[in-house]
Amino acid sequence: MSRITQLRRYMKHLEERYSELVERADNYKHIDECKSDRSAFKAMKVLEKLNRLRYLDREYI
């Protein structure tokens, strides 16, 4: 498997993880603010990784 294929699979995984965390943060918004903030923080970290990978993908293709 080529590196670009691995990169794209990892990007897909991160996109799914990001959307899951954002949805979880939104669901917990009115129930438990601490859980909502924690999920939102994790989502920001995943988005940061995703943006770095998007930059690399744009640079090599």
Protein backbone atom coordinates (compact mmCIF):
# COMPACT_ATOMS: atom_id res chain seq x y z
CA MET A 1 0.00 0.00 0.00
CA SER A 2 1.45 3.36 -0.97
CA ARG A 3 2.00 6.17 1.46
CA ILE A 4 -0.58 8.36 -0.25
CA THR A 5 -3.20 5.64 0.14
CA GLN A 6 -2.32 5.30 3.82
CA LEU A 7 -2.52 9.06 4.20
CA ARG A 8 -5.98 9.20 2.65
CA ARG A 9 -7.26 6.30 4.78
CA TYR A 10 -5.99 8.04 7.91
CA MET A 11 -7.65 11.29 6.78
CA LYS A 12 -10.96 9.46 6.32
CA HIS A 13 -10.62 8.00 9.82
CA LEU A 14 -9.92 11.44 11.29
CA GLU A 15 -12.88 12.99 9.46
CA GLU A 16 -15.20 10.34 10.90
CA ARG A 17 -13.73 10.79 14.37
CA TYR A 18 -14.10 14.58 14.13
CA SER A 19 -17.75 14.43 13.13
CA GLU A 20 -18.45 11.91 15.90
CA LEU A 21 -16.83 14.15 18.53
CA VAL A 22 -18.64 17.28 17.33
CA GLU A 23 -21.96 15.45 17.43
CA ARG A 24 -21.19 14.13 20.91
CA ALA A 25 -20.26 17.64 22.11
CA ASP A 26 -23.53 18.99 20.73
CA ASN A 27 -25.56 16.22 22.37
CA TYR A 28 -23.97 16.79 25.78
CA LYS A 29 -24.33 20.58 25.59
CA HIS A 30 -27.49 20.69 27.73
CA ILE A 31 -26.85 17.58 29.83
CA ASP A 32 -23.26 17.77 31.04
CA GLU A 33 -21.18 20.81 30.19
CA CYS A 34 -17.91 19.17 31.24
CA LYS A 35 -18.38 16.24 28.84
CA SER A 36 -19.36 18.65 26.10
CA ASP A 37 -16.22 20.73 26.60
CA ARG A 38 -14.03 17.64 26.69
CA SER A 39 -15.49 16.34 23.43
CA ALA A 40 -15.14 19.75 21.80
CA PHE A 41 -11.49 19.94 22.88
CA LYS A 42 -10.76 16.49 21.46
CA ALA A 43 -12.52 17.51 18.25
CA MET A 44 -10.26 20.56 17.97
CA LYS A 45 -7.17 18.38 18.38
CA VAL A 46 -8.40 15.97 15.69
CA LEU A 47 -9.18 18.90 13.38
CA GLU A 48 -5.65 20.21 13.86
CA LYS A 49 -4.22 16.83 12.77
CA LEU A 50 -6.62 16.71 9.86
CA ASN A 51 -5.60 20.16 8.65
CA ARG A 52 -1.94 19.17 8.75
CA LEU A 53 -2.67 16.09 6.66
CA ARG A 54 -4.73 18.11 4.19
CA TYR A 55 -1.76 20.43 3.75
CA LEU A 56 0.53 17.48 3.07
CA ASP A 57 -1.96 15.91 0.68
CA ARG A 58 -2.30 19.17 -1.25
CA GLU A 59 1.46 19.55 -1.42
CA TYR A 60 2.16 16.10 -2.87
CA ILE A 61 -0.63 15.80 -5.40
